[in-house]
Amino acid sequence: VEADAAAALFHHLAQFPLAGILTGLAVALAVFSLITGADSASYVIAVLAQGREDARRAYQRPGNGQLLFWGVLLGLLTAAVLAGSGSVQAVRATFALSAVLLFFLFVGQVAAVL
């Protein structure tokens, strides 16, 4: 149980009355957390990719098309990595690598503003 946190959670929830409801609630909360994270990631990428000519101009919300494009692209990337490796660890490593690449994008934007 120490090696698998998910198994530990479900084993712990099975000890309570109404274990089925608690297990369903735990799964729903995990799904909502993942969806919120993916939505936030696509929003941030869309904001960074919208390319403004004047960096001092007021913030503009990215269009729905851009949000949909980046959301679908992130979903396809996740599905491809998961299908290719069959491991959640590979998905984590892929997104960690993409975070490093975003870091360099941030550095480039700061350099362009200065």
N, C-alpha and C. Protein backbone atom coordinates (compact mmCIF):
# COMPACT_ATOMS: atom_id res chain seq x y z
N VAL A 1 0.83 -1.20 0.00
CA VAL A 1 0.00 0.00 0.00
C VAL A 1 0.87 1.25 0.00
N GLU A 2 2.06 1.18 0.59
CA GLU A 2 2.93 2.36 0.64
C GLU A 2 3.38 2.81 -0.74
N ALA A 3 3.49 1.88 -1.68
CA ALA A 3 3.97 2.22 -3.02
C ALA A 3 2.88 2.82 -3.89
N ASP A 4 1.63 2.57 -3.57
CA ASP A 4 0.53 3.02 -4.42
C ASP A 4 -0.46 3.83 -3.60
N ALA A 5 -0.39 5.14 -3.74
CA ALA A 5 -1.25 6.04 -2.95
C ALA A 5 -2.72 5.86 -3.30
N ALA A 6 -3.03 5.60 -4.57
CA ALA A 6 -4.42 5.43 -4.97
C ALA A 6 -5.02 4.19 -4.31
N ALA A 7 -4.27 3.11 -4.30
CA ALA A 7 -4.76 1.88 -3.65
C ALA A 7 -4.96 2.11 -2.16
N ALA A 8 -4.06 2.87 -1.55
CA ALA A 8 -4.20 3.17 -0.12
C ALA A 8 -5.46 3.99 0.14
N LEU A 9 -5.74 4.96 -0.72
CA LEU A 9 -6.94 5.78 -0.55
C LEU A 9 -8.19 4.92 -0.63
N PHE A 10 -8.29 4.09 -1.66
CA PHE A 10 -9.49 3.29 -1.83
C PHE A 10 -9.62 2.22 -0.75
N HIS A 11 -8.51 1.69 -0.28
CA HIS A 11 -8.55 0.74 0.83
C HIS A 11 -9.06 1.44 2.09
N HIS A 12 -8.61 2.65 2.33
CA HIS A 12 -9.04 3.42 3.49
C HIS A 12 -10.53 3.76 3.39
N LEU A 13 -10.98 4.18 2.22
CA LEU A 13 -12.39 4.54 2.04
C LEU A 13 -13.30 3.34 2.19
N ALA A 14 -12.81 2.15 1.88
CA ALA A 14 -13.61 0.93 2.00
C ALA A 14 -13.95 0.61 3.45
N GLN A 15 -13.24 1.18 4.38
CA GLN A 15 -13.47 0.92 5.80
C GLN A 15 -14.66 1.71 6.36
N PHE A 16 -15.13 2.72 5.65
CA PHE A 16 -16.20 3.58 6.12
C PHE A 16 -17.56 3.06 5.67
N PRO A 17 -18.61 3.44 6.41
CA PRO A 17 -19.96 3.15 5.89
C PRO A 17 -20.18 3.97 4.62
N LEU A 18 -21.01 3.50 3.75
CA LEU A 18 -21.29 4.14 2.46
C LEU A 18 -20.00 4.28 1.64
N ALA A 19 -19.21 3.23 1.66
CA ALA A 19 -17.93 3.24 0.96
C ALA A 19 -18.09 3.50 -0.54
N GLY A 20 -19.14 2.99 -1.14
CA GLY A 20 -19.37 3.22 -2.56
C GLY A 20 -19.55 4.68 -2.90
N ILE A 21 -20.29 5.37 -2.06
CA ILE A 21 -20.52 6.80 -2.29
C ILE A 21 -19.22 7.58 -2.09
N LEU A 22 -18.48 7.25 -1.04
CA LEU A 22 -17.21 7.94 -0.80
C LEU A 22 -16.20 7.68 -1.92
N THR A 23 -16.17 6.46 -2.42
CA THR A 23 -15.26 6.13 -3.52
C THR A 23 -15.65 6.91 -4.78
N GLY A 24 -16.94 6.96 -5.07
CA GLY A 24 -17.41 7.74 -6.22
C GLY A 24 -17.09 9.22 -6.08
N LEU A 25 -17.23 9.74 -4.87
CA LEU A 25 -16.91 11.13 -4.61
C LEU A 25 -15.41 11.39 -4.80
N ALA A 26 -14.58 10.47 -4.33
CA ALA A 26 -13.12 10.62 -4.49
C ALA A 26 -12.73 10.60 -5.97
N VAL A 27 -13.34 9.72 -6.74
CA VAL A 27 -13.05 9.65 -8.17
C VAL A 27 -13.52 10.93 -8.86
N ALA A 28 -14.71 11.42 -8.50
CA ALA A 28 -15.22 12.65 -9.11
C ALA A 28 -14.31 13.84 -8.78
N LEU A 29 -13.85 13.93 -7.55
CA LEU A 29 -12.96 15.02 -7.19
C LEU A 29 -11.63 14.94 -7.94
N ALA A 30 -11.11 13.73 -8.13
CA ALA A 30 -9.87 13.57 -8.88
C ALA A 30 -10.07 13.98 -10.34
N VAL A 31 -11.19 13.59 -10.92
CA VAL A 31 -11.48 13.96 -12.31
C VAL A 31 -11.64 15.47 -12.44
N PHE A 32 -12.37 16.10 -11.52
CA PHE A 32 -12.54 17.56 -11.57
C PHE A 32 -11.19 18.26 -11.43
N SER A 33 -10.32 17.73 -10.60
CA SER A 33 -8.99 18.32 -10.42
C SER A 33 -8.19 18.24 -11.71
N LEU A 34 -8.23 17.09 -12.36
CA LEU A 34 -7.49 16.93 -13.63
C LEU A 34 -8.05 17.84 -14.72
N ILE A 35 -9.37 17.94 -14.79
CA ILE A 35 -9.99 18.79 -15.81
C ILE A 35 -9.64 20.25 -15.57
N THR A 36 -9.69 20.68 -14.30
CA THR A 36 -9.35 22.06 -13.98
C THR A 36 -7.90 22.37 -14.33
N GLY A 37 -7.00 21.44 -14.03
CA GLY A 37 -5.59 21.62 -14.36
C GLY A 37 -5.37 21.72 -15.86
N ALA A 38 -6.03 20.86 -16.62
CA ALA A 38 -5.88 20.89 -18.08
C ALA A 38 -6.46 22.17 -18.66
N ASP A 39 -7.60 22.61 -18.13
CA ASP A 39 -8.20 23.85 -18.60
C ASP A 39 -7.28 25.04 -18.30
N SER A 40 -6.71 25.06 -17.12
CA SER A 40 -5.79 26.15 -16.76
C SER A 40 -4.55 26.14 -17.64
N ALA A 41 -4.03 24.95 -17.93
CA ALA A 41 -2.84 24.85 -18.78
C ALA A 41 -3.13 25.36 -20.18
N SER A 42 -4.28 24.98 -20.75
CA SER A 42 -4.60 25.45 -22.10
C SER A 42 -4.83 26.96 -22.12
N TYR A 43 -5.40 27.49 -21.04
CA TYR A 43 -5.62 28.94 -20.96
C TYR A 43 -4.30 29.70 -20.91
N VAL A 44 -3.38 29.22 -20.09
CA VAL A 44 -2.07 29.89 -19.97
C VAL A 44 -1.31 29.84 -21.29
N ILE A 45 -1.32 28.69 -21.94
CA ILE A 45 -0.61 28.56 -23.21
C ILE A 45 -1.25 29.48 -24.26
N ALA A 46 -2.58 29.55 -24.27
CA ALA A 46 -3.25 30.43 -25.23
C ALA A 46 -2.91 31.89 -24.98
N VAL A 47 -2.83 32.29 -23.71
CA VAL A 47 -2.46 33.67 -23.39
C VAL A 47 -1.05 33.96 -23.87
N LEU A 48 -0.13 33.02 -23.63
CA LEU A 48 1.26 33.23 -24.04
C LEU A 48 1.43 33.22 -25.55
N ALA A 49 0.60 32.46 -26.23
CA ALA A 49 0.77 32.30 -27.68
C ALA A 49 0.03 33.35 -28.49
N GLN A 50 -0.79 34.18 -27.85
CA GLN A 50 -1.59 35.10 -28.65
C GLN A 50 -0.79 36.24 -29.26
N GLY A 51 0.44 36.45 -28.83
CA GLY A 51 1.34 37.38 -29.49
C GLY A 51 0.80 38.78 -29.67
N ARG A 52 1.13 39.65 -28.78
CA ARG A 52 0.71 41.05 -28.89
C ARG A 52 1.86 41.86 -29.45
N GLU A 53 1.51 42.84 -30.26
CA GLU A 53 2.55 43.69 -30.84
C GLU A 53 3.12 44.64 -29.79
N ASP A 54 2.28 45.11 -28.89
CA ASP A 54 2.71 46.05 -27.86
C ASP A 54 2.54 45.37 -26.50
N ALA A 55 3.64 45.07 -25.84
CA ALA A 55 3.59 44.35 -24.58
C ALA A 55 2.93 45.16 -23.47
N ARG A 56 2.86 46.47 -23.64
CA ARG A 56 2.25 47.31 -22.60
C ARG A 56 0.75 47.44 -22.77
N ARG A 57 0.23 46.94 -23.88
CA ARG A 57 -1.20 47.03 -24.13
C ARG A 57 -1.96 46.19 -23.11
N ALA A 58 -3.18 46.57 -22.84
CA ALA A 58 -3.98 45.88 -21.83
C ALA A 58 -4.16 44.40 -22.20
N TYR A 59 -4.32 43.60 -21.16
CA TYR A 59 -4.54 42.17 -21.34
C TYR A 59 -5.80 41.92 -22.14
N GLN A 60 -5.73 40.96 -23.05
CA GLN A 60 -6.90 40.55 -23.81
C GLN A 60 -7.09 39.05 -23.63
N ARG A 61 -8.32 38.67 -23.37
CA ARG A 61 -8.63 37.25 -23.20
C ARG A 61 -8.47 36.54 -24.54
N PRO A 62 -7.82 35.37 -24.55
CA PRO A 62 -7.68 34.64 -25.81
C PRO A 62 -9.04 34.19 -26.32
N GLY A 63 -9.14 34.07 -27.62
CA GLY A 63 -10.40 33.65 -28.23
C GLY A 63 -10.72 32.19 -27.94
N ASN A 64 -11.98 31.84 -28.10
CA ASN A 64 -12.42 30.47 -27.86
C ASN A 64 -11.73 29.48 -28.80
N GLY A 65 -11.45 29.92 -30.01
CA GLY A 65 -10.77 29.04 -30.96
C GLY A 65 -9.37 28.68 -30.49
N GLN A 66 -8.66 29.68 -29.96
CA GLN A 66 -7.32 29.40 -29.42
C GLN A 66 -7.38 28.48 -28.21
N LEU A 67 -8.34 28.73 -27.33
CA LEU A 67 -8.48 27.88 -26.15
C LEU A 67 -8.80 26.45 -26.54
N LEU A 68 -9.69 26.29 -27.51
CA LEU A 68 -10.05 24.96 -27.98
C LEU A 68 -8.86 24.28 -28.64
N PHE A 69 -8.12 25.01 -29.47
CA PHE A 69 -6.95 24.45 -30.14
C PHE A 69 -5.93 23.92 -29.13
N TRP A 70 -5.57 24.74 -28.13
CA TRP A 70 -4.56 24.33 -27.17
C TRP A 70 -5.08 23.22 -26.26
N GLY A 71 -6.35 23.26 -25.92
CA GLY A 71 -6.92 22.19 -25.10
C GLY A 71 -6.90 20.85 -25.83
N VAL A 72 -7.30 20.86 -27.09
CA VAL A 72 -7.29 19.63 -27.89
C VAL A 72 -5.85 19.15 -28.10
N LEU A 73 -4.94 20.08 -28.37
CA LEU A 73 -3.55 19.70 -28.58
C LEU A 73 -2.95 19.05 -27.32
N LEU A 74 -3.21 19.63 -26.16
CA LEU A 74 -2.72 19.03 -24.92
C LEU A 74 -3.35 17.67 -24.66
N GLY A 75 -4.63 17.54 -24.95
CA GLY A 75 -5.31 16.25 -24.80
C GLY A 75 -4.74 15.19 -25.73
N LEU A 76 -4.49 15.57 -26.98
CA LEU A 76 -3.90 14.62 -27.93
C LEU A 76 -2.49 14.23 -27.54
N LEU A 77 -1.72 15.19 -27.05
CA LEU A 77 -0.37 14.90 -26.60
C LEU A 77 -0.39 13.92 -25.43
N THR A 78 -1.27 14.16 -24.48
CA THR A 78 -1.39 13.26 -23.34
C THR A 78 -1.82 11.87 -23.78
N ALA A 79 -2.81 11.79 -24.65
CA ALA A 79 -3.29 10.50 -25.13
C ALA A 79 -2.20 9.76 -25.90
N ALA A 80 -1.44 10.47 -26.72
CA ALA A 80 -0.38 9.83 -27.50
C ALA A 80 0.72 9.29 -26.60
N VAL A 81 1.11 10.06 -25.61
CA VAL A 81 2.17 9.60 -24.71
C VAL A 81 1.68 8.42 -23.88
N LEU A 82 0.43 8.50 -23.41
CA LEU A 82 -0.12 7.42 -22.61
C LEU A 82 -0.30 6.15 -23.43
N ALA A 83 -0.75 6.30 -24.68
CA ALA A 83 -0.93 5.14 -25.55
C ALA A 83 0.42 4.54 -25.95
N GLY A 84 1.41 5.39 -26.15
CA GLY A 84 2.71 4.90 -26.57
C GLY A 84 3.48 4.20 -25.47
N SER A 85 3.30 4.66 -24.24
CA SER A 85 4.08 4.09 -23.15
C SER A 85 3.24 3.26 -22.20
N GLY A 86 1.97 3.58 -22.09
CA GLY A 86 1.10 2.88 -21.15
C GLY A 86 1.39 3.23 -19.70
N SER A 87 2.11 4.31 -19.48
CA SER A 87 2.52 4.66 -18.13
C SER A 87 2.18 6.10 -17.81
N VAL A 88 1.64 6.32 -16.64
CA VAL A 88 1.35 7.67 -16.20
C VAL A 88 2.66 8.41 -15.92
N GLN A 89 3.69 7.68 -15.55
CA GLN A 89 5.00 8.30 -15.30
C GLN A 89 5.53 8.96 -16.57
N ALA A 90 5.29 8.35 -17.72
CA ALA A 90 5.73 8.95 -18.99
C ALA A 90 4.99 10.25 -19.26
N VAL A 91 3.70 10.28 -18.93
CA VAL A 91 2.92 11.52 -19.11
C VAL A 91 3.47 12.61 -18.21
N ARG A 92 3.78 12.25 -16.97
CA ARG A 92 4.35 13.23 -16.04
C ARG A 92 5.68 13.76 -16.57
N ALA A 93 6.52 12.87 -17.08
CA ALA A 93 7.82 13.29 -17.61
C ALA A 93 7.65 14.21 -18.82
N THR A 94 6.68 13.90 -19.67
CA THR A 94 6.43 14.74 -20.85
C THR A 94 5.99 16.13 -20.45
N PHE A 95 5.10 16.23 -19.48
CA PHE A 95 4.64 17.55 -19.05
C PHE A 95 5.70 18.29 -18.26
N ALA A 96 6.57 17.57 -17.57
CA ALA A 96 7.70 18.25 -16.91
C ALA A 96 8.63 18.84 -17.95
N LEU A 97 8.86 18.11 -19.04
CA LEU A 97 9.69 18.63 -20.12
C LEU A 97 9.04 19.85 -20.76
N SER A 98 7.73 19.80 -20.95
CA SER A 98 7.05 20.96 -21.54
C SER A 98 7.11 22.17 -20.60
N ALA A 99 7.13 21.93 -19.29
CA ALA A 99 7.27 23.04 -18.34
C ALA A 99 8.65 23.69 -18.49
N VAL A 100 9.66 22.88 -18.73
CA VAL A 100 11.00 23.43 -18.93
C VAL A 100 11.03 24.28 -20.21
N LEU A 101 10.37 23.80 -21.24
CA LEU A 101 10.30 24.57 -22.48
C LEU A 101 9.54 25.88 -22.29
N LEU A 102 8.47 25.85 -21.49
CA LEU A 102 7.74 27.09 -21.20
C LEU A 102 8.60 28.07 -20.42
N PHE A 103 9.48 27.55 -19.57
CA PHE A 103 10.39 28.42 -18.84
C PHE A 103 11.24 29.23 -19.81
N PHE A 104 11.77 28.57 -20.84
CA PHE A 104 12.57 29.29 -21.83
C PHE A 104 11.73 30.29 -22.61
N LEU A 105 10.46 29.97 -22.83
CA LEU A 105 9.56 30.92 -23.48
C LEU A 105 9.38 32.16 -22.60
N PHE A 106 9.21 31.96 -21.29
CA PHE A 106 9.09 33.09 -20.37
C PHE A 106 10.35 33.95 -20.38
N VAL A 107 11.49 33.31 -20.37
CA VAL A 107 12.77 34.05 -20.38
C VAL A 107 12.86 34.87 -21.67
N GLY A 108 12.46 34.29 -22.78
CA GLY A 108 12.49 35.02 -24.05
C GLY A 108 11.54 36.20 -24.05
N GLN A 109 10.37 36.06 -23.44
CA GLN A 109 9.43 37.17 -23.37
C GLN A 109 9.97 38.30 -22.50
N VAL A 110 10.59 37.93 -21.38
CA VAL A 110 11.18 38.95 -20.51
C VAL A 110 12.29 39.69 -21.25
N ALA A 111 13.12 38.95 -21.96
CA ALA A 111 14.20 39.58 -22.72
C ALA A 111 13.64 40.50 -23.82
N ALA A 112 12.52 40.11 -24.42
CA ALA A 112 11.94 40.94 -25.47
C ALA A 112 11.35 42.23 -24.91
N VAL A 113 10.83 42.18 -23.70
CA VAL A 113 10.25 43.38 -23.09
C VAL A 113 11.35 44.33 -22.66
N LEU A 114 12.45 43.78 -22.16
CA LEU A 114 13.55 44.64 -21.71
C LEU A 114 14.25 45.21 -22.90
